[in-house]
PDB file of all heavy atoms in Angstrom:
ATOM      1  N   TRP A   1       0.857  -1.175   0.000  1.00  0.00           N
ATOM      2  CA  TRP A   1       0.000   0.000   0.000  1.00  0.00           C
ATOM      3  C   TRP A   1       0.899   1.232   0.000  1.00  0.00           C
ATOM      4  O   TRP A   1       1.866   1.304   0.765  1.00  0.00           O
ATOM      5  CB  TRP A   1      -0.923   0.035   1.213  1.00  0.00           C
ATOM      6  CG  TRP A   1      -2.094  -0.887   1.114  1.00  0.00           C
ATOM      7  CD1 TRP A   1      -2.200  -2.129   1.643  1.00  0.00           C
ATOM      8  CD2 TRP A   1      -3.336  -0.617   0.452  1.00  0.00           C
ATOM      9  NE1 TRP A   1      -3.429  -2.665   1.357  1.00  0.00           N
ATOM     10  CE2 TRP A   1      -4.154  -1.759   0.626  1.00  0.00           C
ATOM     11  CE3 TRP A   1      -3.838   0.464  -0.263  1.00  0.00           C
ATOM     12  CZ2 TRP A   1      -5.442  -1.845   0.111  1.00  0.00           C
ATOM     13  CZ3 TRP A   1      -5.124   0.382  -0.785  1.00  0.00           C
ATOM     14  CH2 TRP A   1      -5.907  -0.757  -0.600  1.00  0.00           C
ATOM     15  N   PHE A   2       0.561   2.187  -0.841  1.00  0.00           N
ATOM     16  CA  PHE A   2       1.292   3.438  -0.954  1.00  0.00           C
ATOM     17  C   PHE A   2       0.294   4.583  -0.947  1.00  0.00           C
ATOM     18  O   PHE A   2      -0.898   4.382  -1.165  1.00  0.00           O
ATOM     19  CB  PHE A   2       2.124   3.456  -2.244  1.00  0.00           C
ATOM     20  CG  PHE A   2       3.132   2.338  -2.317  1.00  0.00           C
ATOM     21  CD1 PHE A   2       2.761   1.081  -2.779  1.00  0.00           C
ATOM     22  CD2 PHE A   2       4.441   2.533  -1.913  1.00  0.00           C
ATOM     23  CE1 PHE A   2       3.676   0.043  -2.839  1.00  0.00           C
ATOM     24  CE2 PHE A   2       5.366   1.505  -1.967  1.00  0.00           C
ATOM     25  CZ  PHE A   2       4.979   0.253  -2.427  1.00  0.00           C
ATOM     26  N   ARG A   3       0.776   5.780  -0.693  1.00  0.00           N
ATOM     27  CA  ARG A   3      -0.115   6.929  -0.706  1.00  0.00           C
ATOM     28  C   ARG A   3       0.599   8.146  -1.274  1.00  0.00           C
ATOM     29  O   ARG A   3       1.822   8.247  -1.236  1.00  0.00           O
ATOM     30  CB  ARG A   3      -0.643   7.231   0.701  1.00  0.00           C
ATOM     31  CG  ARG A   3       0.417   7.669   1.698  1.00  0.00           C
ATOM     32  CD  ARG A   3      -0.189   7.771   3.089  1.00  0.00           C
ATOM     33  NE  ARG A   3       0.763   8.266   4.066  1.00  0.00           N
ATOM     34  CZ  ARG A   3       0.523   8.360   5.363  1.00  0.00           C
ATOM     35  NH1 ARG A   3      -0.673   7.988   5.850  1.00  0.00           N
ATOM     36  NH2 ARG A   3       1.457   8.824   6.189  1.00  0.00           N
ATOM     37  N   GLN A   4      -0.197   9.067  -1.789  1.00  0.00           N
ATOM     38  CA  GLN A   4       0.356  10.276  -2.372  1.00  0.00           C
ATOM     39  C   GLN A   4      -0.596  11.441  -2.128  1.00  0.00           C
ATOM     40  O   GLN A   4      -1.762  11.387  -2.514  1.00  0.00           O
ATOM     41  CB  GLN A   4       0.603  10.106  -3.864  1.00  0.00           C
ATOM     42  CG  GLN A   4       1.328  11.273  -4.509  1.00  0.00           C
ATOM     43  CD  GLN A   4       1.803  10.954  -5.904  1.00  0.00           C
ATOM     44  OE1 GLN A   4       1.250  10.083  -6.582  1.00  0.00           O
ATOM     45  NE2 GLN A   4       2.832  11.645  -6.353  1.00  0.00           N
ATOM     46  N   ALA A   5      -0.086  12.474  -1.493  1.00  0.00           N
ATOM     47  CA  ALA A   5      -0.833  13.703  -1.284  1.00  0.00           C
ATOM     48  C   ALA A   5      -0.496  14.681  -2.404  1.00  0.00           C
ATOM     49  O   ALA A   5       0.588  14.598  -3.000  1.00  0.00           O
ATOM     50  CB  ALA A   5      -0.490  14.314   0.072  1.00  0.00           C
ATOM     51  N   PRO A   6      -1.388  15.623  -2.721  1.00  0.00           N
ATOM     52  CA  PRO A   6      -1.124  16.581  -3.798  1.00  0.00           C
ATOM     53  C   PRO A   6       0.193  17.311  -3.606  1.00  0.00           C
ATOM     54  O   PRO A   6       0.487  17.810  -2.522  1.00  0.00           O
ATOM     55  CB  PRO A   6      -2.313  17.538  -3.709  1.00  0.00           C
ATOM     56  CG  PRO A   6      -3.407  16.713  -3.131  1.00  0.00           C
ATOM     57  CD  PRO A   6      -2.717  15.823  -2.127  1.00  0.00           C
ATOM     58  N   GLY A   7       1.003  17.344  -4.660  1.00  0.00           N
ATOM     59  CA  GLY A   7       2.270  18.042  -4.613  1.00  0.00           C
ATOM     60  C   GLY A   7       3.385  17.311  -3.907  1.00  0.00           C
ATOM     61  O   GLY A   7       4.494  17.856  -3.782  1.00  0.00           O
ATOM     62  N   LYS A   8       3.130  16.100  -3.436  1.00  0.00           N
ATOM     63  CA  LYS A   8       4.142  15.337  -2.724  1.00  0.00           C
ATOM     64  C   LYS A   8       4.448  14.035  -3.444  1.00  0.00           C
ATOM     65  O   LYS A   8       3.676  13.563  -4.264  1.00  0.00           O
ATOM     66  CB  LYS A   8       3.685  15.046  -1.290  1.00  0.00           C
ATOM     67  CG  LYS A   8       3.516  16.284  -0.429  1.00  0.00           C
ATOM     68  CD  LYS A   8       3.209  15.916   1.002  1.00  0.00           C
ATOM     69  CE  LYS A   8       3.116  17.150   1.874  1.00  0.00           C
ATOM     70  NZ  LYS A   8       2.840  16.800   3.291  1.00  0.00           N
ATOM     71  N   GLU A   9       5.601  13.457  -3.122  1.00  0.00           N
ATOM     72  CA  GLU A   9       5.996  12.190  -3.708  1.00  0.00           C
ATOM     73  C   GLU A   9       5.197  11.045  -3.103  1.00  0.00           C
ATOM     74  O   GLU A   9       4.741  11.117  -1.966  1.00  0.00           O
ATOM     75  CB  GLU A   9       7.490  11.944  -3.490  1.00  0.00           C
ATOM     76  CG  GLU A   9       8.399  12.930  -4.198  1.00  0.00           C
ATOM     77  CD  GLU A   9       9.865  12.606  -4.002  1.00  0.00           C
ATOM     78  OE1 GLU A   9      10.181  11.722  -3.177  1.00  0.00           O
ATOM     79  OE2 GLU A   9      10.690  13.225  -4.676  1.00  0.00           O
ATOM     80  N   ARG A  10       5.039   9.994  -3.887  1.00  0.00           N
ATOM     81  CA  ARG A  10       4.387   8.799  -3.388  1.00  0.00           C
ATOM     82  C   ARG A  10       5.268   8.153  -2.322  1.00  0.00           C
ATOM     83  O   ARG A  10       6.485   8.073  -2.471  1.00  0.00           O
ATOM     84  CB  ARG A  10       4.138   7.822  -4.535  1.00  0.00           C
ATOM     85  CG  ARG A  10       3.222   6.673  -4.196  1.00  0.00           C
ATOM     86  CD  ARG A  10       2.784   5.942  -5.469  1.00  0.00           C
ATOM     87  NE  ARG A  10       2.021   6.831  -6.349  1.00  0.00           N
ATOM     88  CZ  ARG A  10       1.466   6.438  -7.492  1.00  0.00           C
ATOM     89  NH1 ARG A  10       1.589   5.173  -7.888  1.00  0.00           N
ATOM     90  NH2 ARG A  10       0.805   7.306  -8.234  1.00  0.00           N
ATOM     91  N   GLU A  11       4.650   7.707  -1.229  1.00  0.00           N
ATOM     92  CA  GLU A  11       5.398   7.109  -0.147  1.00  0.00           C
ATOM     93  C   GLU A  11       4.798   5.772   0.260  1.00  0.00           C
ATOM     94  O   GLU A  11       3.612   5.516   0.073  1.00  0.00           O
ATOM     95  CB  GLU A  11       5.445   8.042   1.063  1.00  0.00           C
ATOM     96  CG  GLU A  11       4.093   8.313   1.692  1.00  0.00           C
ATOM     97  CD  GLU A  11       4.194   9.199   2.917  1.00  0.00           C
ATOM     98  OE1 GLU A  11       5.303   9.631   3.269  1.00  0.00           O
ATOM     99  OE2 GLU A  11       3.139   9.459   3.541  1.00  0.00           O
ATOM    100  N   GLY A  12       5.642   4.928   0.832  1.00  0.00           N
ATOM    101  CA  GLY A  12       5.195   3.622   1.266  1.00  0.00           C
ATOM    102  C   GLY A  12       4.351   3.699   2.523  1.00  0.00           C
ATOM    103  O   GLY A  12       4.563   4.553   3.391  1.00  0.00           O
ATOM    104  N   VAL A  13       3.400   2.782   2.628  1.00  0.00           N
ATOM    105  CA  VAL A  13       2.546   2.666   3.803  1.00  0.00           C
ATOM    106  C   VAL A  13       2.793   1.327   4.498  1.00  0.00           C
ATOM    107  O   VAL A  13       3.158   1.281   5.673  1.00  0.00           O
ATOM    108  CB  VAL A  13       1.062   2.816   3.437  1.00  0.00           C
ATOM    109  CG1 VAL A  13       0.178   2.587   4.661  1.00  0.00           C
ATOM    110  CG2 VAL A  13       0.801   4.181   2.819  1.00  0.00           C
ATOM    111  N   ALA A  14       2.591   0.233   3.761  1.00  0.00           N
ATOM    112  CA  ALA A  14       2.760  -1.095   4.330  1.00  0.00           C
ATOM    113  C   ALA A  14       2.997  -2.109   3.225  1.00  0.00           C
ATOM    114  O   ALA A  14       2.563  -1.914   2.093  1.00  0.00           O
ATOM    115  CB  ALA A  14       1.532  -1.498   5.154  1.00  0.00           C
ATOM    116  N   VAL A  15       3.666  -3.202   3.565  1.00  0.00           N
ATOM    117  CA  VAL A  15       3.980  -4.266   2.622  1.00  0.00           C
ATOM    118  C   VAL A  15       3.672  -5.607   3.270  1.00  0.00           C
ATOM    119  O   VAL A  15       3.944  -5.808   4.456  1.00  0.00           O
ATOM    120  CB  VAL A  15       5.468  -4.225   2.203  1.00  0.00           C
ATOM    121  CG1 VAL A  15       5.845  -5.459   1.391  1.00  0.00           C
ATOM    122  CG2 VAL A  15       5.763  -2.957   1.425  1.00  0.00           C
ATOM    123  N   ILE A  16       3.101  -6.515   2.492  1.00  0.00           N
ATOM    124  CA  ILE A  16       2.934  -7.892   2.940  1.00  0.00           C
ATOM    125  C   ILE A  16       3.666  -8.795   1.956  1.00  0.00           C
ATOM    126  O   ILE A  16       3.507  -8.678   0.745  1.00  0.00           O
ATOM    127  CB  ILE A  16       1.449  -8.276   3.098  1.00  0.00           C
ATOM    128  CG1 ILE A  16       1.320  -9.668   3.729  1.00  0.00           C
ATOM    129  CG2 ILE A  16       0.688  -8.191   1.779  1.00  0.00           C
ATOM    130  CD1 ILE A  16      -0.077  -9.952   4.276  1.00  0.00           C
ATOM    131  N   TYR A  17       4.487  -9.693   2.498  1.00  0.00           N
ATOM    132  CA  TYR A  17       5.318 -10.564   1.687  1.00  0.00           C
ATOM    133  C   TYR A  17       4.546 -11.800   1.234  1.00  0.00           C
ATOM    134  O   TYR A  17       3.475 -12.094   1.770  1.00  0.00           O
ATOM    135  CB  TYR A  17       6.574 -10.952   2.469  1.00  0.00           C
ATOM    136  CG  TYR A  17       7.592  -9.842   2.520  1.00  0.00           C
ATOM    137  CD1 TYR A  17       7.473  -8.795   3.429  1.00  0.00           C
ATOM    138  CD2 TYR A  17       8.671  -9.820   1.637  1.00  0.00           C
ATOM    139  CE1 TYR A  17       8.390  -7.758   3.455  1.00  0.00           C
ATOM    140  CE2 TYR A  17       9.593  -8.793   1.665  1.00  0.00           C
ATOM    141  CZ  TYR A  17       9.448  -7.764   2.577  1.00  0.00           C
ATOM    142  OH  TYR A  17      10.374  -6.738   2.596  1.00  0.00           O
ATOM    143  N   PRO A  18       5.078 -12.536   0.227  1.00  0.00           N
ATOM    144  CA  PRO A  18       4.367 -13.705  -0.291  1.00  0.00           C
ATOM    145  C   PRO A  18       3.902 -14.651   0.801  1.00  0.00           C
ATOM    146  O   PRO A  18       4.639 -14.934   1.748  1.00  0.00           O
ATOM    147  CB  PRO A  18       5.406 -14.371  -1.195  1.00  0.00           C
ATOM    148  CG  PRO A  18       6.226 -13.234  -1.690  1.00  0.00           C
ATOM    149  CD  PRO A  18       6.321 -12.290  -0.516  1.00  0.00           C
ATOM    150  N   ASN A  19       2.675 -15.109   0.654  1.00  0.00           N
ATOM    151  CA  ASN A  19       2.046 -16.027   1.601  1.00  0.00           C
ATOM    152  C   ASN A  19       1.941 -15.452   3.004  1.00  0.00           C
ATOM    153  O   ASN A  19       1.782 -16.206   3.971  1.00  0.00           O
ATOM    154  CB  ASN A  19       2.786 -17.363   1.624  1.00  0.00           C
ATOM    155  CG  ASN A  19       2.775 -18.050   0.275  1.00  0.00           C
ATOM    156  OD1 ASN A  19       1.723 -18.179  -0.354  1.00  0.00           O
ATOM    157  ND2 ASN A  19       3.950 -18.488  -0.178  1.00  0.00           N
ATOM    158  N   GLY A  20       2.020 -14.153   3.126  1.00  0.00           N
ATOM    159  CA  GLY A  20       1.905 -13.497   4.413  1.00  0.00           C
ATOM    160  C   GLY A  20       3.021 -13.834   5.378  1.00  0.00           C
ATOM    161  O   GLY A  20       2.822 -13.772   6.599  1.00  0.00           O
ATOM    162  N   ARG A  21       4.184 -14.195   4.850  1.00  0.00           N
ATOM    163  CA  ARG A  21       5.300 -14.608   5.701  1.00  0.00           C
ATOM    164  C   ARG A  21       5.748 -13.511   6.655  1.00  0.00           C
ATOM    165  O   ARG A  21       6.210 -13.798   7.763  1.00  0.00           O
ATOM    166  CB  ARG A  21       6.476 -15.069   4.847  1.00  0.00           C
ATOM    167  CG  ARG A  21       6.243 -16.377   4.113  1.00  0.00           C
ATOM    168  CD  ARG A  21       7.438 -16.736   3.262  1.00  0.00           C
ATOM    169  NE  ARG A  21       7.672 -15.755   2.212  1.00  0.00           N
ATOM    170  CZ  ARG A  21       8.707 -15.765   1.387  1.00  0.00           C
ATOM    171  NH1 ARG A  21       9.611 -16.731   1.471  1.00  0.00           N
ATOM    172  NH2 ARG A  21       8.837 -14.817   0.465  1.00  0.00           N
ATOM    173  N   SER A  22       5.635 -12.275   6.221  1.00  0.00           N
ATOM    174  CA  SER A  22       6.008 -11.159   7.070  1.00  0.00           C
ATOM    175  C   SER A  22       5.346  -9.898   6.538  1.00  0.00           C
ATOM    176  O   SER A  22       4.834  -9.872   5.416  1.00  0.00           O
ATOM    177  CB  SER A  22       7.524 -10.987   7.143  1.00  0.00           C
ATOM    178  OG  SER A  22       8.059 -10.673   5.872  1.00  0.00           O
ATOM    179  N   THR A  23       5.371  -8.872   7.349  1.00  0.00           N
ATOM    180  CA  THR A  23       4.835  -7.573   6.963  1.00  0.00           C
ATOM    181  C   THR A  23       5.831  -6.491   7.339  1.00  0.00           C
ATOM    182  O   THR A  23       6.696  -6.690   8.184  1.00  0.00           O
ATOM    183  CB  THR A  23       3.488  -7.283   7.640  1.00  0.00           C
ATOM    184  OG1 THR A  23       3.641  -7.360   9.063  1.00  0.00           O
ATOM    185  CG2 THR A  23       2.429  -8.285   7.200  1.00  0.00           C
ATOM    186  N   TYR A  24       5.699  -5.345   6.702  1.00  0.00           N
ATOM    187  CA  TYR A  24       6.537  -4.201   7.000  1.00  0.00           C
ATOM    188  C   TYR A  24       5.671  -2.961   7.020  1.00  0.00           C
ATOM    189  O   TYR A  24       4.841  -2.752   6.134  1.00  0.00           O
ATOM    190  CB  TYR A  24       7.648  -4.042   5.954  1.00  0.00           C
ATOM    191  CG  TYR A  24       8.544  -2.861   6.217  1.00  0.00           C
ATOM    192  CD1 TYR A  24       9.646  -2.973   7.052  1.00  0.00           C
ATOM    193  CD2 TYR A  24       8.269  -1.618   5.641  1.00  0.00           C
ATOM    194  CE1 TYR A  24      10.458  -1.891   7.310  1.00  0.00           C
ATOM    195  CE2 TYR A  24       9.083  -0.528   5.901  1.00  0.00           C
ATOM    196  CZ  TYR A  24      10.177  -0.667   6.730  1.00  0.00           C
ATOM    197  OH  TYR A  24      10.985   0.410   6.990  1.00  0.00           O
ATOM    198  N   TYR A  25       5.860  -2.137   8.033  1.00  0.00           N
ATOM    199  CA  TYR A  25       5.130  -0.884   8.149  1.00  0.00           C
ATOM    200  C   TYR A  25       6.102   0.286   8.172  1.00  0.00           C
ATOM    201  O   TYR A  25       7.090   0.266   8.907  1.00  0.00           O
ATOM    202  CB  TYR A  25       4.281  -0.866   9.421  1.00  0.00           C
ATOM    203  CG  TYR A  25       3.225  -1.946   9.427  1.00  0.00           C
ATOM    204  CD1 TYR A  25       3.460  -3.175  10.025  1.00  0.00           C
ATOM    205  CD2 TYR A  25       1.992  -1.731   8.812  1.00  0.00           C
ATOM    206  CE1 TYR A  25       2.495  -4.166  10.009  1.00  0.00           C
ATOM    207  CE2 TYR A  25       1.031  -2.715   8.796  1.00  0.00           C
ATOM    208  CZ  TYR A  25       1.282  -3.928   9.391  1.00  0.00           C
ATOM    209  OH  TYR A  25       0.319  -4.918   9.381  1.00  0.00           O
ATOM    210  N   TYR A  26       5.804   1.283   7.373  1.00  0.00           N
ATOM    211  CA  TYR A  26       6.615   2.488   7.381  1.00  0.00           C
ATOM    212  C   TYR A  26       6.320   3.283   8.647  1.00  0.00           C
ATOM    213  O   TYR A  26       5.233   3.188   9.229  1.00  0.00           O
ATOM    214  CB  TYR A  26       6.355   3.300   6.112  1.00  0.00           C
ATOM    215  CG  TYR A  26       6.911   2.618   4.888  1.00  0.00           C
ATOM    216  CD1 TYR A  26       6.216   1.579   4.270  1.00  0.00           C
ATOM    217  CD2 TYR A  26       8.144   2.986   4.361  1.00  0.00           C
ATOM    218  CE1 TYR A  26       6.735   0.928   3.159  1.00  0.00           C
ATOM    219  CE2 TYR A  26       8.667   2.341   3.249  1.00  0.00           C
ATOM    220  CZ  TYR A  26       7.958   1.314   2.654  1.00  0.00           C
ATOM    221  OH  TYR A  26       8.480   0.680   1.545  1.00  0.00           O
ATOM    222  N   ALA A  27       7.306   4.052   9.066  1.00  0.00           N
ATOM    223  CA  ALA A  27       7.271   4.670  10.386  1.00  0.00           C
ATOM    224  C   ALA A  27       6.028   5.520  10.644  1.00  0.00           C
ATOM    225  O   ALA A  27       5.504   5.528  11.757  1.00  0.00           O
ATOM    226  CB  ALA A  27       8.529   5.510  10.598  1.00  0.00           C
ATOM    227  N   SER A  28       5.538   6.210   9.634  1.00  0.00           N
ATOM    228  CA  SER A  28       4.429   7.131   9.831  1.00  0.00           C
ATOM    229  C   SER A  28       3.115   6.449  10.207  1.00  0.00           C
ATOM    230  O   SER A  28       2.226   7.097  10.756  1.00  0.00           O
ATOM    231  CB  SER A  28       4.223   7.980   8.575  1.00  0.00           C
ATOM    232  OG  SER A  28       3.892   7.174   7.463  1.00  0.00           O
ATOM    233  N   VAL A  29       2.994   5.148   9.919  1.00  0.00           N
ATOM    234  CA  VAL A  29       1.736   4.445  10.185  1.00  0.00           C
ATOM    235  C   VAL A  29       1.892   3.288  11.156  1.00  0.00           C
ATOM    236  O   VAL A  29       0.889   2.678  11.552  1.00  0.00           O
ATOM    237  CB  VAL A  29       1.089   3.927   8.883  1.00  0.00           C
ATOM    238  CG1 VAL A  29       0.941   5.052   7.877  1.00  0.00           C
ATOM    239  CG2 VAL A  29       1.893   2.777   8.290  1.00  0.00           C
ATOM    240  N   LYS A  30       3.100   2.993  11.550  1.00  0.00           N
ATOM    241  CA  LYS A  30       3.357   1.844  12.415  1.00  0.00           C
ATOM    242  C   LYS A  30       2.581   1.972  13.723  1.00  0.00           C
ATOM    243  O   LYS A  30       2.589   3.006  14.376  1.00  0.00           O
ATOM    244  CB  LYS A  30       4.848   1.726  12.700  1.00  0.00           C
ATOM    245  CG  LYS A  30       5.253   0.389  13.297  1.00  0.00           C
ATOM    246  CD  LYS A  30       6.774   0.263  13.346  1.00  0.00           C
ATOM    247  CE  LYS A  30       7.202  -1.108  13.819  1.00  0.00           C
ATOM    248  NZ  LYS A  30       8.683  -1.248  13.810  1.00  0.00           N
ATOM    249  N   GLY A  31       1.896   0.898  14.081  1.00  0.00           N
ATOM    250  CA  GLY A  31       1.095   0.880  15.288  1.00  0.00           C
ATOM    251  C   GLY A  31      -0.338   1.323  15.081  1.00  0.00           C
ATOM    252  O   GLY A  31      -1.169   1.147  15.982  1.00  0.00           O
ATOM    253  N   ARG A  32      -0.648   1.889  13.932  1.00  0.00           N
ATOM    254  CA  ARG A  32      -1.995   2.360  13.637  1.00  0.00           C
ATOM    255  C   ARG A  32      -2.659   1.592  12.490  1.00  0.00           C
ATOM    256  O   ARG A  32      -3.872   1.429  12.488  1.00  0.00           O
ATOM    257  CB  ARG A  32      -1.977   3.852  13.284  1.00  0.00           C
ATOM    258  CG  ARG A  32      -1.442   4.740  14.405  1.00  0.00           C
ATOM    259  CD  ARG A  32      -1.625   6.217  14.073  1.00  0.00           C
ATOM    260  NE  ARG A  32      -0.849   6.606  12.890  1.00  0.00           N
ATOM    261  CZ  ARG A  32      -1.376   7.151  11.794  1.00  0.00           C
ATOM    262  NH1 ARG A  32      -2.687   7.370  11.717  1.00  0.00           N
ATOM    263  NH2 ARG A  32      -0.598   7.493  10.776  1.00  0.00           N
ATOM    264  N   PHE A  33      -1.868   1.165  11.513  1.00  0.00           N
ATOM    265  CA  PHE A  33      -2.396   0.486  10.328  1.00  0.00           C
ATOM    266  C   PHE A  33      -2.013  -0.986  10.355  1.00  0.00           C
ATOM    267  O   PHE A  33      -0.962  -1.360  10.890  1.00  0.00           O
ATOM    268  CB  PHE A  33      -1.837   1.102   9.047  1.00  0.00           C
ATOM    269  CG  PHE A  33      -2.299   2.505   8.749  1.00  0.00           C
ATOM    270  CD1 PHE A  33      -3.035   3.244   9.663  1.00  0.00           C
ATOM    271  CD2 PHE A  33      -1.986   3.079   7.523  1.00  0.00           C
ATOM    272  CE1 PHE A  33      -3.449   4.536   9.375  1.00  0.00           C
ATOM    273  CE2 PHE A  33      -2.393   4.369   7.223  1.00  0.00           C
ATOM    274  CZ  PHE A  33      -3.126   5.099   8.147  1.00  0.00           C
ATOM    275  N   THR A  34      -2.849  -1.824   9.732  1.00  0.00           N
ATOM    276  CA  THR A  34      -2.581  -3.249   9.622  1.00  0.00           C
ATOM    277  C   THR A  34      -2.873  -3.719   8.202  1.00  0.00           C
ATOM    278  O   THR A  34      -3.958  -3.470   7.681  1.00  0.00           O
ATOM    279  CB  THR A  34      -3.433  -4.065  10.605  1.00  0.00           C
ATOM    280  OG1 THR A  34      -3.197  -3.619  11.945  1.00  0.00           O
ATOM    281  CG2 THR A  34      -3.083  -5.545  10.515  1.00  0.00           C
ATOM    282  N   ILE A  35      -1.906  -4.396   7.587  1.00  0.00           N
ATOM    283  CA  ILE A  35      -2.103  -4.978   6.266  1.00  0.00           C
ATOM    284  C   ILE A  35      -2.377  -6.464   6.425  1.00  0.00           C
ATOM    285  O   ILE A  35      -1.763  -7.134   7.254  1.00  0.00           O
ATOM    286  CB  ILE A  35      -0.878  -4.720   5.354  1.00  0.00           C
ATOM    287  CG1 ILE A  35      -1.166  -5.173   3.917  1.00  0.00           C
ATOM    288  CG2 ILE A  35       0.379  -5.380   5.900  1.00  0.00           C
ATOM    289  CD1 ILE A  35      -0.098  -4.737   2.918  1.00  0.00           C
ATOM    290  N   SER A  36      -3.300  -6.985   5.630  1.00  0.00           N
ATOM    291  CA  SER A  36      -3.655  -8.393   5.710  1.00  0.00           C
ATOM    292  C   SER A  36      -4.153  -8.881   4.360  1.00  0.00           C
ATOM    293  O   SER A  36      -4.411  -8.088   3.450  1.00  0.00           O
ATOM    294  CB  SER A  36      -4.720  -8.633   6.787  1.00  0.00           C
ATOM    295  OG  SER A  36      -5.915  -7.935   6.481  1.00  0.00           O
ATOM    296  N   GLN A  37      -4.289 -10.205   4.231  1.00  0.00           N
ATOM    297  CA  GLN A  37      -4.776 -10.823   2.998  1.00  0.00           C
ATOM    298  C   GLN A  37      -5.887 -11.802   3.294  1.00  0.00           C
ATOM    299  O   GLN A  37      -5.874 -12.494   4.318  1.00  0.00           O
ATOM    300  CB  GLN A  37      -3.655 -11.583   2.282  1.00  0.00           C
ATOM    301  CG  GLN A  37      -2.633 -10.730   1.587  1.00  0.00           C
ATOM    302  CD  GLN A  37      -1.577 -11.570   0.890  1.00  0.00           C
ATOM    303  OE1 GLN A  37      -1.259 -12.672   1.330  1.00  0.00           O
ATOM    304  NE2 GLN A  37      -1.034 -11.044  -0.188  1.00  0.00           N
ATOM    305  N   ASP A  38      -6.842 -11.875   2.381  1.00  0.00           N
ATOM    306  CA  ASP A  38      -7.852 -12.922   2.369  1.00  0.00           C
ATOM    307  C   ASP A  38      -7.603 -13.704   1.085  1.00  0.00           C
ATOM    308  O   ASP A  38      -7.977 -13.257  -0.002  1.00  0.00           O
ATOM    309  CB  ASP A  38      -9.255 -12.345   2.401  1.00  0.00           C
ATOM    310  CG  ASP A  38     -10.337 -13.408   2.479  1.00  0.00           C
ATOM    311  OD1 ASP A  38     -10.124 -14.527   1.973  1.00  0.00           O
ATOM    312  OD2 ASP A  38     -11.403 -13.128   3.049  1.00  0.00           O
ATOM    313  N   ASN A  39      -6.960 -14.858   1.208  1.00  0.00           N
ATOM    314  CA  ASN A  39      -6.573 -15.613   0.022  1.00  0.00           C
ATOM    315  C   ASN A  39      -7.782 -16.111  -0.775  1.00  0.00           C
ATOM    316  O   ASN A  39      -7.736 -16.178  -1.999  1.00  0.00           O
ATOM    317  CB  ASN A  39      -5.686 -16.791   0.413  1.00  0.00           C
ATOM    318  CG  ASN A  39      -4.342 -16.347   0.934  1.00  0.00           C
ATOM    319  OD1 ASN A  39      -3.860 -15.262   0.614  1.00  0.00           O
ATOM    320  ND2 ASN A  39      -3.718 -17.194   1.743  1.00  0.00           N
ATOM    321  N   ALA A  40      -8.849 -16.466  -0.082  1.00  0.00           N
ATOM    322  CA  ALA A  40     -10.043 -16.961  -0.761  1.00  0.00           C
ATOM    323  C   ALA A  40     -10.648 -15.890  -1.663  1.00  0.00           C
ATOM    324  O   ALA A  40     -11.200 -16.205  -2.716  1.00  0.00           O
ATOM    325  CB  ALA A  40     -11.067 -17.447   0.250  1.00  0.00           C
ATOM    326  N   GLU A  41     -10.543 -14.628  -1.242  1.00  0.00           N
ATOM    327  CA  GLU A  41     -11.098 -13.528  -2.017  1.00  0.00           C
ATOM    328  C   GLU A  41     -10.049 -12.863  -2.905  1.00  0.00           C
ATOM    329  O   GLU A  41     -10.383 -11.954  -3.667  1.00  0.00           O
ATOM    330  CB  GLU A  41     -11.712 -12.484  -1.090  1.00  0.00           C
ATOM    331  CG  GLU A  41     -12.888 -12.994  -0.273  1.00  0.00           C
ATOM    332  CD  GLU A  41     -14.089 -13.321  -1.125  1.00  0.00           C
ATOM    333  OE1 GLU A  41     -14.259 -12.684  -2.193  1.00  0.00           O
ATOM    334  OE2 GLU A  41     -14.860 -14.220  -0.753  1.00  0.00           O
ATOM    335  N   ASN A  42      -8.784 -13.302  -2.788  1.00  0.00           N
ATOM    336  CA  ASN A  42      -7.692 -12.705  -3.549  1.00  0.00           C
ATOM    337  C   ASN A  42      -7.660 -11.191  -3.333  1.00  0.00           C
ATOM    338  O   ASN A  42      -7.518 -10.411  -4.274  1.00  0.00           O
ATOM    339  CB  ASN A  42      -7.815 -13.029  -5.039  1.00  0.00           C
ATOM    340  CG  ASN A  42      -6.490 -12.992  -5.768  1.00  0.00           C
ATOM    341  OD1 ASN A  42      -5.440 -13.305  -5.202  1.00  0.00           O
ATOM    342  ND2 ASN A  42      -6.520 -12.600  -7.038  1.00  0.00           N
TER     343      ASN A  42
END
């Protein structure tokens, strides 16, 4: 997940690795946002 505000560069939000092996959160959202997958719904 990435985000971009008007006039600013696109920045990372969160990443989930293949098969949900691990996740990574960028500092600005860590502790507030959660990335997840529903494999059945892709």
